[in-house]
């Protein structure tokens, strides 16, 4: 009876975003070995998102018409790696200069730059064709699911599932969604304060009715969470209250720590534009 009540509550929330539920896509951001426990850039408690996402897929398969996985897919010498910058440490930031067409300006040389992008430096992670970069085997992939790779341009990072960080190039995500007449997005995954955040913002900017499932995400930096959630709550064309309701993953859906998900799923409308 409890689960029936929970399902009814979720359906009411989903109905509130519009009648055409067949136009709804679940976006699963970067749930890869590199960001999970034991990975090269493990997000604290990142494994906990798996049971929540599995629950959403299982219980609302009739409402979600498309599921998309994004996958960080970096060159071994990617510009975002601290190892590629002499004397720099992971989790510090540098400024990168680019020309209008997205060419990276060499360090300490003259360049007709038009873009100055602040780049957080990361440990080497999610390198192309490594086990570290693989999608988690704990998340089932079904026939019809789509995988969109991002971050494979060696000289510019790509947090968003739609664009690189300078907006110089785009992935196929937008065109794939439009081909399938998707108009609404539920965004989940890792990490809340980087790739989930920018995917949600770009989704809204592209005209999708975009919701971030806060309990199906975890951040790299906990001190970023308040500002990220505030931005996702408030910068919308018509501000919408956060929808909250209790939900249980059930006895068959457990996180890797073998604990059931018991909590409040929060649907946050995304910000309306990129920074």
C-alpha atoms as a PDB file:
ATOM      1  CA  UNK A   1       0.000   0.000   0.000  1.00  0.00           C
ATOM      2  CA  UNK A   2       2.891   2.364   0.821  1.00  0.00           C
ATOM      3  CA  UNK A   3       4.538   1.861  -2.571  1.00  0.00           C
ATOM      4  CA  UNK A   4       1.196   2.369  -4.336  1.00  0.00           C
ATOM      5  CA  UNK A   5       0.835   5.710  -2.543  1.00  0.00           C
ATOM      6  CA  UNK A   6       4.386   6.659  -3.495  1.00  0.00           C
ATOM      7  CA  UNK A   7       3.794   5.787  -7.140  1.00  0.00           C
ATOM      8  CA  UNK A   8       0.620   7.855  -7.172  1.00  0.00           C
ATOM      9  CA  UNK A   9       2.516  10.824  -5.689  1.00  0.00           C
ATOM     10  CA  UNK A  10       5.230  10.582  -8.334  1.00  0.00           C
ATOM     11  CA  UNK A  11       2.725  10.295 -11.148  1.00  0.00           C
ATOM     12  CA  UNK A  12       0.979  13.403  -9.870  1.00  0.00           C
ATOM     13  CA  UNK A  13       4.280  15.284  -9.892  1.00  0.00           C
ATOM     14  CA  UNK A  14       5.132  14.064 -13.385  1.00  0.00           C
ATOM     15  CA  UNK A  15       1.643  14.978 -14.562  1.00  0.00           C
ATOM     16  CA  UNK A  16       2.187  18.494 -13.280  1.00  0.00           C
ATOM     17  CA  UNK A  17       4.982  19.058 -15.807  1.00  0.00           C
ATOM     18  CA  UNK A  18       2.651  18.359 -18.709  1.00  0.00           C
ATOM     19  CA  UNK A  19       0.237  15.836 -20.162  1.00  0.00           C
ATOM     20  CA  UNK A  20       2.485  14.310 -22.838  1.00  0.00           C
ATOM     21  CA  UNK A  21       4.575  12.004 -20.654  1.00  0.00           C
ATOM     22  CA  UNK A  22       5.752  10.116 -23.743  1.00  0.00           C
ATOM     23  CA  UNK A  23       7.946  13.159 -24.428  1.00  0.00           C
ATOM     24  CA  UNK A  24       9.980  12.594 -21.245  1.00  0.00           C
ATOM     25  CA  UNK A  25      13.646  11.523 -21.276  1.00  0.00           C
ATOM     26  CA  UNK A  26      15.749  10.340 -18.350  1.00  0.00           C
ATOM     27  CA  UNK A  27      19.308  11.692 -18.638  1.00  0.00           C
ATOM     28  CA  UNK A  28      21.915   9.758 -16.618  1.00  0.00           C
ATOM     29  CA  UNK A  29      25.091  11.810 -16.371  1.00  0.00           C
ATOM     30  CA  UNK A  30      28.510  10.111 -16.150  1.00  0.00           C
ATOM     31  CA  UNK A  31      27.754   7.188 -13.824  1.00  0.00           C
ATOM     32  CA  UNK A  32      31.136   5.681 -14.710  1.00  0.00           C
ATOM     33  CA  UNK A  33      33.754   3.711 -12.840  1.00  0.00           C
ATOM     34  CA  UNK A  34      36.032   6.754 -12.669  1.00  0.00           C
ATOM     35  CA  UNK A  35      33.484   8.661 -10.555  1.00  0.00           C
ATOM     36  CA  UNK A  36      32.464   5.745  -8.313  1.00  0.00           C
ATOM     37  CA  UNK A  37      34.257   4.248  -5.315  1.00  0.00           C
ATOM     38  CA  UNK A  38      37.731   3.063  -6.322  1.00  0.00           C
ATOM     39  CA  UNK A  39      37.760   5.285  -9.419  1.00  0.00           C
ATOM     40  CA  UNK A  40      40.364   7.857 -10.357  1.00  0.00           C
ATOM     41  CA  UNK A  41      38.039  10.771  -9.512  1.00  0.00           C
ATOM     42  CA  UNK A  42      35.618   9.131  -7.104  1.00  0.00           C
ATOM     43  CA  UNK A  43      32.702  11.299  -5.961  1.00  0.00           C
ATOM     44  CA  UNK A  44      31.967  10.870  -2.263  1.00  0.00           C
ATOM     45  CA  UNK A  45      28.905   8.614  -1.902  1.00  0.00           C
ATOM     46  CA  UNK A  46      28.564   8.634  -5.665  1.00  0.00           C
ATOM     47  CA  UNK A  47      27.555   4.971  -5.662  1.00  0.00           C
ATOM     48  CA  UNK A  48      24.378   5.913  -3.804  1.00  0.00           C
ATOM     49  CA  UNK A  49      22.810   7.400  -6.932  1.00  0.00           C
ATOM     50  CA  UNK A  50      22.626   3.980  -8.556  1.00  0.00           C
ATOM     51  CA  UNK A  51      19.718   2.626  -6.493  1.00  0.00           C
ATOM     52  CA  UNK A  52      17.729   5.841  -6.950  1.00  0.00           C
ATOM     53  CA  UNK A  53      18.214   5.846 -10.717  1.00  0.00           C
ATOM     54  CA  UNK A  54      17.379   2.146 -10.931  1.00  0.00           C
ATOM     55  CA  UNK A  55      14.172   2.815  -9.015  1.00  0.00           C
ATOM     56  CA  UNK A  56      13.154   5.629 -11.339  1.00  0.00           C
ATOM     57  CA  UNK A  57      13.778   3.432 -14.390  1.00  0.00           C
ATOM     58  CA  UNK A  58      11.900   0.440 -12.985  1.00  0.00           C
ATOM     59  CA  UNK A  59       8.853   2.169 -11.573  1.00  0.00           C
ATOM     60  CA  UNK A  60       8.323   4.787 -14.280  1.00  0.00           C
ATOM     61  CA  UNK A  61       9.323   2.904 -17.403  1.00  0.00           C
ATOM     62  CA  UNK A  62       5.912   3.629 -18.934  1.00  0.00           C
ATOM     63  CA  UNK A  63       6.337   7.384 -18.415  1.00  0.00           C
ATOM     64  CA  UNK A  64       9.959   7.628 -19.605  1.00  0.00           C
ATOM     65  CA  UNK A  65      10.176   7.151 -23.347  1.00  0.00           C
ATOM     66  CA  UNK A  66      13.961   7.505 -23.706  1.00  0.00           C
ATOM     67  CA  UNK A  67      16.978   6.982 -21.463  1.00  0.00           C
ATOM     68  CA  UNK A  68      20.312   8.609 -22.307  1.00  0.00           C
ATOM     69  CA  UNK A  69      23.653   7.893 -20.639  1.00  0.00           C
ATOM     70  CA  UNK A  70      26.416  10.457 -21.012  1.00  0.00           C
ATOM     71  CA  UNK A  71      30.014   9.271 -20.790  1.00  0.00           C
ATOM     72  CA  UNK A  72      33.117  11.329 -20.052  1.00  0.00           C
ATOM     73  CA  UNK A  73      35.647  10.213 -22.671  1.00  0.00           C
ATOM     74  CA  UNK A  74      39.011  11.948 -22.330  1.00  0.00           C
ATOM     75  CA  UNK A  75      42.297  11.842 -24.217  1.00  0.00           C
ATOM     76  CA  UNK A  76      45.241  10.665 -22.114  1.00  0.00           C
ATOM     77  CA  UNK A  77      46.724  14.180 -22.376  1.00  0.00           C
ATOM     78  CA  UNK A  78      43.469  16.077 -21.852  1.00  0.00           C
ATOM     79  CA  UNK A  79      43.814  19.784 -21.061  1.00  0.00           C
ATOM     80  CA  UNK A  80      41.740  19.401 -17.881  1.00  0.00           C
ATOM     81  CA  UNK A  81      44.280  17.030 -16.293  1.00  0.00           C
ATOM     82  CA  UNK A  82      46.585  18.604 -13.708  1.00  0.00           C
ATOM     83  CA  UNK A  83      49.323  16.259 -14.952  1.00  0.00           C
ATOM     84  CA  UNK A  84      49.473  18.267 -18.194  1.00  0.00           C
ATOM     85  CA  UNK A  85      50.318  21.550 -16.430  1.00  0.00           C
ATOM     86  CA  UNK A  86      53.742  21.841 -14.815  1.00  0.00           C
ATOM     87  CA  UNK A  87      53.608  22.641 -11.118  1.00  0.00           C
ATOM     88  CA  UNK A  88      49.783  22.493 -10.920  1.00  0.00           C
ATOM     89  CA  UNK A  89      47.790  20.348  -8.517  1.00  0.00           C
ATOM     90  CA  UNK A  90      44.381  18.691  -8.930  1.00  0.00           C
ATOM     91  CA  UNK A  91      41.366  20.746  -7.817  1.00  0.00           C
ATOM     92  CA  UNK A  92      43.090  24.067  -8.471  1.00  0.00           C
ATOM     93  CA  UNK A  93      42.007  26.318 -11.343  1.00  0.00           C
ATOM     94  CA  UNK A  94      43.751  28.015 -14.248  1.00  0.00           C
ATOM     95  CA  UNK A  95      42.599  30.321 -17.047  1.00  0.00           C
ATOM     96  CA  UNK A  96      42.662  28.947 -20.593  1.00  0.00           C
ATOM     97  CA  UNK A  97      42.540  31.290 -23.586  1.00  0.00           C
ATOM     98  CA  UNK A  98      40.835  30.323 -26.841  1.00  0.00           C
ATOM     99  CA  UNK A  99      40.325  31.884 -30.239  1.00  0.00           C
ATOM    100  CA  UNK A 100      36.821  32.391 -31.597  1.00  0.00           C
ATOM    101  CA  UNK A 101      36.896  29.012 -33.354  1.00  0.00           C
ATOM    102  CA  UNK A 102      37.919  27.161 -30.191  1.00  0.00           C
ATOM    103  CA  UNK A 103      41.677  26.856 -30.762  1.00  0.00           C
ATOM    104  CA  UNK A 104      43.598  26.793 -27.475  1.00  0.00           C
ATOM    105  CA  UNK A 105      46.202  29.531 -27.220  1.00  0.00           C
ATOM    106  CA  UNK A 106      49.680  28.283 -26.239  1.00  0.00           C
ATOM    107  CA  UNK A 107      50.910  29.344 -22.806  1.00  0.00           C
ATOM    108  CA  UNK A 108      53.060  32.499 -22.762  1.00  0.00           C
ATOM    109  CA  UNK A 109      52.553  33.278 -26.437  1.00  0.00           C
ATOM    110  CA  UNK A 110      50.643  35.924 -28.342  1.00  0.00           C
ATOM    111  CA  UNK A 111      47.222  34.824 -29.499  1.00  0.00           C
ATOM    112  CA  UNK A 112      44.105  36.512 -30.825  1.00  0.00           C
ATOM    113  CA  UNK A 113      42.012  35.144 -27.939  1.00  0.00           C
ATOM    114  CA  UNK A 114      38.324  35.892 -27.554  1.00  0.00           C
ATOM    115  CA  UNK A 115      37.425  33.458 -24.769  1.00  0.00           C
ATOM    116  CA  UNK A 116      38.905  33.194 -21.285  1.00  0.00           C
ATOM    117  CA  UNK A 117      37.671  30.003 -19.591  1.00  0.00           C
ATOM    118  CA  UNK A 118      38.368  29.098 -15.985  1.00  0.00           C
ATOM    119  CA  UNK A 119      39.368  25.439 -15.926  1.00  0.00           C
ATOM    120  CA  UNK A 120      39.339  23.289 -12.806  1.00  0.00           C
ATOM    121  CA  UNK A 121      42.231  20.837 -12.990  1.00  0.00           C
ATOM    122  CA  UNK A 122      41.420  17.204 -12.276  1.00  0.00           C
ATOM    123  CA  UNK A 123      43.314  13.996 -11.656  1.00  0.00           C
ATOM    124  CA  UNK A 124      43.666  11.948 -14.834  1.00  0.00           C
ATOM    125  CA  UNK A 125      40.298  10.215 -15.224  1.00  0.00           C
ATOM    126  CA  UNK A 126      37.894   8.563 -17.669  1.00  0.00           C
ATOM    127  CA  UNK A 127      40.599   8.020 -20.284  1.00  0.00           C
ATOM    128  CA  UNK A 128      39.301   6.658 -23.589  1.00  0.00           C
ATOM    129  CA  UNK A 129      39.052   2.845 -23.818  1.00  0.00           C
ATOM    130  CA  UNK A 130      39.978   2.183 -20.179  1.00  0.00           C
ATOM    131  CA  UNK A 131      37.998   0.277 -17.560  1.00  0.00           C
ATOM    132  CA  UNK A 132      37.957   3.486 -15.542  1.00  0.00           C
ATOM    133  CA  UNK A 133      35.897   5.194 -18.272  1.00  0.00           C
ATOM    134  CA  UNK A 134      33.294   2.444 -18.604  1.00  0.00           C
ATOM    135  CA  UNK A 135      29.714   3.021 -17.539  1.00  0.00           C
ATOM    136  CA  UNK A 136      28.892   1.304 -14.271  1.00  0.00           C
ATOM    137  CA  UNK A 137      27.836  -2.295 -14.769  1.00  0.00           C
ATOM    138  CA  UNK A 138      25.434  -1.826 -11.836  1.00  0.00           C
ATOM    139  CA  UNK A 139      23.202   0.351 -14.026  1.00  0.00           C
ATOM    140  CA  UNK A 140      21.349  -1.753 -16.563  1.00  0.00           C
ATOM    141  CA  UNK A 141      21.333  -0.660 -20.179  1.00  0.00           C
ATOM    142  CA  UNK A 142      18.226  -1.600 -22.132  1.00  0.00           C
ATOM    143  CA  UNK A 143      17.627  -1.881 -25.876  1.00  0.00           C
ATOM    144  CA  UNK A 144      16.885   1.582 -27.178  1.00  0.00           C
ATOM    145  CA  UNK A 145      19.051   3.377 -24.604  1.00  0.00           C
ATOM    146  CA  UNK A 146      21.497   5.898 -26.025  1.00  0.00           C
ATOM    147  CA  UNK A 147      25.093   6.622 -24.947  1.00  0.00           C
ATOM    148  CA  UNK A 148      26.458  10.102 -25.703  1.00  0.00           C
ATOM    149  CA  UNK A 149      30.200  10.587 -25.273  1.00  0.00           C
ATOM    150  CA  UNK A 150      31.601  13.969 -24.282  1.00  0.00           C
ATOM    151  CA  UNK A 151      34.952  15.528 -23.381  1.00  0.00           C
ATOM    152  CA  UNK A 152      36.815  13.820 -26.222  1.00  0.00           C
ATOM    153  CA  UNK A 153      38.174  17.082 -27.648  1.00  0.00           C
ATOM    154  CA  UNK A 154      41.633  17.104 -26.081  1.00  0.00           C
ATOM    155  CA  UNK A 155      41.997  20.892 -25.742  1.00  0.00           C
ATOM    156  CA  UNK A 156      38.673  21.834 -24.131  1.00  0.00           C
ATOM    157  CA  UNK A 157      36.623  20.304 -21.327  1.00  0.00           C
ATOM    158  CA  UNK A 158      32.954  19.400 -21.562  1.00  0.00           C
ATOM    159  CA  UNK A 159      30.858  19.326 -18.401  1.00  0.00           C
ATOM    160  CA  UNK A 160      27.530  19.556 -20.214  1.00  0.00           C
ATOM    161  CA  UNK A 161      26.051  16.672 -22.145  1.00  0.00           C
ATOM    162  CA  UNK A 162      25.175  19.187 -24.872  1.00  0.00           C
ATOM    163  CA  UNK A 163      28.221  21.459 -25.398  1.00  0.00           C
ATOM    164  CA  UNK A 164      31.886  21.805 -24.553  1.00  0.00           C
ATOM    165  CA  UNK A 165      32.743  24.419 -21.919  1.00  0.00           C
ATOM    166  CA  UNK A 166      33.356  27.154 -24.476  1.00  0.00           C
ATOM    167  CA  UNK A 167      30.311  26.386 -26.578  1.00  0.00           C
ATOM    168  CA  UNK A 168      32.623  25.765 -29.556  1.00  0.00           C
ATOM    169  CA  UNK A 169      31.180  22.359 -30.394  1.00  0.00           C
ATOM    170  CA  UNK A 170      28.172  20.256 -29.490  1.00  0.00           C
ATOM    171  CA  UNK A 171      27.440  16.589 -28.965  1.00  0.00           C
ATOM    172  CA  UNK A 172      24.648  14.738 -30.752  1.00  0.00           C
ATOM    173  CA  UNK A 173      22.412  14.872 -27.646  1.00  0.00           C
ATOM    174  CA  UNK A 174      20.180  17.743 -28.729  1.00  0.00           C
ATOM    175  CA  UNK A 175      19.580  16.342 -32.212  1.00  0.00           C
ATOM    176  CA  UNK A 176      18.822  12.863 -30.828  1.00  0.00           C
ATOM    177  CA  UNK A 177      16.275  14.266 -28.380  1.00  0.00           C
ATOM    178  CA  UNK A 178      14.585  16.344 -31.064  1.00  0.00           C
ATOM    179  CA  UNK A 179      14.451  13.395 -33.475  1.00  0.00           C
ATOM    180  CA  UNK A 180      12.480  11.537 -30.819  1.00  0.00           C
ATOM    181  CA  UNK A 181      10.291  14.580 -30.068  1.00  0.00           C
ATOM    182  CA  UNK A 182      11.497  14.779 -26.467  1.00  0.00           C
ATOM    183  CA  UNK A 183      10.432  18.000 -24.711  1.00  0.00           C
ATOM    184  CA  UNK A 184      11.007  17.185 -21.013  1.00  0.00           C
ATOM    185  CA  UNK A 185      14.168  16.038 -19.224  1.00  0.00           C
ATOM    186  CA  UNK A 186      14.828  14.395 -15.860  1.00  0.00           C
ATOM    187  CA  UNK A 187      18.545  14.868 -15.159  1.00  0.00           C
ATOM    188  CA  UNK A 188      20.388  12.554 -12.742  1.00  0.00           C
ATOM    189  CA  UNK A 189      23.937  11.358 -12.053  1.00  0.00           C
ATOM    190  CA  UNK A 190      27.392  12.717 -11.312  1.00  0.00           C
ATOM    191  CA  UNK A 191      28.420  15.186 -10.323  1.00  0.00           C
ATOM    192  CA  UNK A 192      25.700  17.559  -9.179  1.00  0.00           C
ATOM    193  CA  UNK A 193      27.909  20.668  -9.080  1.00  0.00           C
ATOM    194  CA  UNK A 194      29.589  20.141 -12.452  1.00  0.00           C
ATOM    195  CA  UNK A 195      28.256  17.917 -15.230  1.00  0.00           C
ATOM    196  CA  UNK A 196      24.695  17.551 -13.916  1.00  0.00           C
ATOM    197  CA  UNK A 197      24.484  21.285 -13.258  1.00  0.00           C
ATOM    198  CA  UNK A 198      25.666  22.384 -16.703  1.00  0.00           C
ATOM    199  CA  UNK A 199      23.602  19.756 -18.517  1.00  0.00           C
ATOM    200  CA  UNK A 200      20.483  20.987 -16.707  1.00  0.00           C
ATOM    201  CA  UNK A 201      21.259  24.612 -17.526  1.00  0.00           C
ATOM    202  CA  UNK A 202      21.903  23.868 -21.188  1.00  0.00           C
ATOM    203  CA  UNK A 203      18.796  21.702 -21.435  1.00  0.00           C
ATOM    204  CA  UNK A 204      16.648  24.581 -20.239  1.00  0.00           C
ATOM    205  CA  UNK A 205      18.457  27.076 -22.488  1.00  0.00           C
ATOM    206  CA  UNK A 206      17.722  24.822 -25.476  1.00  0.00           C
ATOM    207  CA  UNK A 207      14.025  24.916 -24.677  1.00  0.00           C
ATOM    208  CA  UNK A 208      13.531  21.613 -22.840  1.00  0.00           C
ATOM    209  CA  UNK A 209      11.410  21.571 -19.691  1.00  0.00           C
ATOM    210  CA  UNK A 210      14.245  20.423 -17.481  1.00  0.00           C
ATOM    211  CA  UNK A 211      14.149  18.921 -13.996  1.00  0.00           C
ATOM    212  CA  UNK A 212      17.116  17.871 -11.861  1.00  0.00           C
ATOM    213  CA  UNK A 213      16.444  14.900  -9.570  1.00  0.00           C
ATOM    214  CA  UNK A 214      18.502  16.113  -6.628  1.00  0.00           C
ATOM    215  CA  UNK A 215      18.493  12.840  -4.692  1.00  0.00           C
ATOM    216  CA  UNK A 216      19.775  11.000  -7.749  1.00  0.00           C
ATOM    217  CA  UNK A 217      22.925  13.170  -7.778  1.00  0.00           C
ATOM    218  CA  UNK A 218      26.009  13.702  -5.628  1.00  0.00           C
ATOM    219  CA  UNK A 219      28.500  16.621  -5.700  1.00  0.00           C
ATOM    220  CA  UNK A 220      32.274  16.758  -6.029  1.00  0.00           C
ATOM    221  CA  UNK A 221      32.351  19.584  -3.488  1.00  0.00           C
ATOM    222  CA  UNK A 222      29.747  19.772  -0.764  1.00  0.00           C
ATOM    223  CA  UNK A 223      30.359  23.503  -0.338  1.00  0.00           C
ATOM    224  CA  UNK A 224      29.036  24.014  -3.888  1.00  0.00           C
ATOM    225  CA  UNK A 225      25.686  22.384  -3.231  1.00  0.00           C
ATOM    226  CA  UNK A 226      23.754  25.282  -1.716  1.00  0.00           C
ATOM    227  CA  UNK A 227      24.625  27.704  -4.518  1.00  0.00           C
ATOM    228  CA  UNK A 228      23.998  25.093  -7.231  1.00  0.00           C
ATOM    229  CA  UNK A 229      20.597  24.109  -5.858  1.00  0.00           C
ATOM    230  CA  UNK A 230      19.637  27.723  -5.328  1.00  0.00           C
ATOM    231  CA  UNK A 231      20.484  28.475  -8.942  1.00  0.00           C
ATOM    232  CA  UNK A 232      18.540  25.477 -10.199  1.00  0.00           C
ATOM    233  CA  UNK A 233      15.554  26.444  -8.047  1.00  0.00           C
ATOM    234  CA  UNK A 234      15.303  30.109  -8.875  1.00  0.00           C
ATOM    235  CA  UNK A 235      16.595  30.933 -12.368  1.00  0.00           C
ATOM    236  CA  UNK A 236      13.636  29.720 -14.367  1.00  0.00           C
ATOM    237  CA  UNK A 237      11.313  31.587 -16.724  1.00  0.00           C
ATOM    238  CA  UNK A 238       8.390  31.045 -14.327  1.00  0.00           C
ATOM    239  CA  UNK A 239       9.715  30.006 -10.906  1.00  0.00           C
ATOM    240  CA  UNK A 240       8.281  26.664  -9.821  1.00  0.00           C
ATOM    241  CA  UNK A 241       8.419  25.343  -6.238  1.00  0.00           C
ATOM    242  CA  UNK A 242      10.547  22.304  -5.522  1.00  0.00           C
ATOM    243  CA  UNK A 243       8.377  19.173  -5.549  1.00  0.00           C
ATOM    244  CA  UNK A 244       9.209  16.706  -2.772  1.00  0.00           C
ATOM    245  CA  UNK A 245       7.784  13.341  -1.798  1.00  0.00           C
ATOM    246  CA  UNK A 246       8.981  10.197   0.069  1.00  0.00           C
ATOM    247  CA  UNK A 247      10.180   7.289  -2.018  1.00  0.00           C
ATOM    248  CA  UNK A 248      11.704   3.869  -1.376  1.00  0.00           C
ATOM    249  CA  UNK A 249      13.878   1.855  -3.692  1.00  0.00           C
ATOM    250  CA  UNK A 250      12.355  -1.328  -2.305  1.00  0.00           C
ATOM    251  CA  UNK A 251      14.051  -4.493  -1.058  1.00  0.00           C
ATOM    252  CA  UNK A 252      15.379  -5.533  -4.483  1.00  0.00           C
ATOM    253  CA  UNK A 253      17.077  -2.218  -5.194  1.00  0.00           C
ATOM    254  CA  UNK A 254      20.004  -1.543  -2.911  1.00  0.00           C
ATOM    255  CA  UNK A 255      23.060   0.677  -3.145  1.00  0.00           C
ATOM    256  CA  UNK A 256      26.532  -0.930  -3.222  1.00  0.00           C
ATOM    257  CA  UNK A 257      26.689  -0.372   0.549  1.00  0.00           C
ATOM    258  CA  UNK A 258      23.689  -2.753   0.743  1.00  0.00           C
ATOM    259  CA  UNK A 259      21.374  -0.130   2.186  1.00  0.00           C
ATOM    260  CA  UNK A 260      17.952   0.640   0.795  1.00  0.00           C
ATOM    261  CA  UNK A 261      17.315   4.117  -0.524  1.00  0.00           C
ATOM    262  CA  UNK A 262      14.906   5.862   1.826  1.00  0.00           C
ATOM    263  CA  UNK A 263      14.545   9.558   1.333  1.00  0.00           C
ATOM    264  CA  UNK A 264      12.920  12.436  -0.430  1.00  0.00           C
ATOM    265  CA  UNK A 265      13.223  12.776  -4.155  1.00  0.00           C
ATOM    266  CA  UNK A 266      13.440  16.419  -5.158  1.00  0.00           C
ATOM    267  CA  UNK A 267      12.615  17.651  -8.614  1.00  0.00           C
ATOM    268  CA  UNK A 268      14.291  20.997  -9.269  1.00  0.00           C
ATOM    269  CA  UNK A 269      13.532  23.101 -12.306  1.00  0.00           C
ATOM    270  CA  UNK A 270      16.804  24.050 -13.940  1.00  0.00           C
ATOM    271  CA  UNK A 271      18.351  27.422 -14.589  1.00  0.00           C
ATOM    272  CA  UNK A 272      17.378  29.125 -17.796  1.00  0.00           C
ATOM    273  CA  UNK A 273      20.759  29.946 -19.304  1.00  0.00           C
ATOM    274  CA  UNK A 274      24.448  29.125 -19.243  1.00  0.00           C
ATOM    275  CA  UNK A 275      26.851  31.329 -17.219  1.00  0.00           C
END
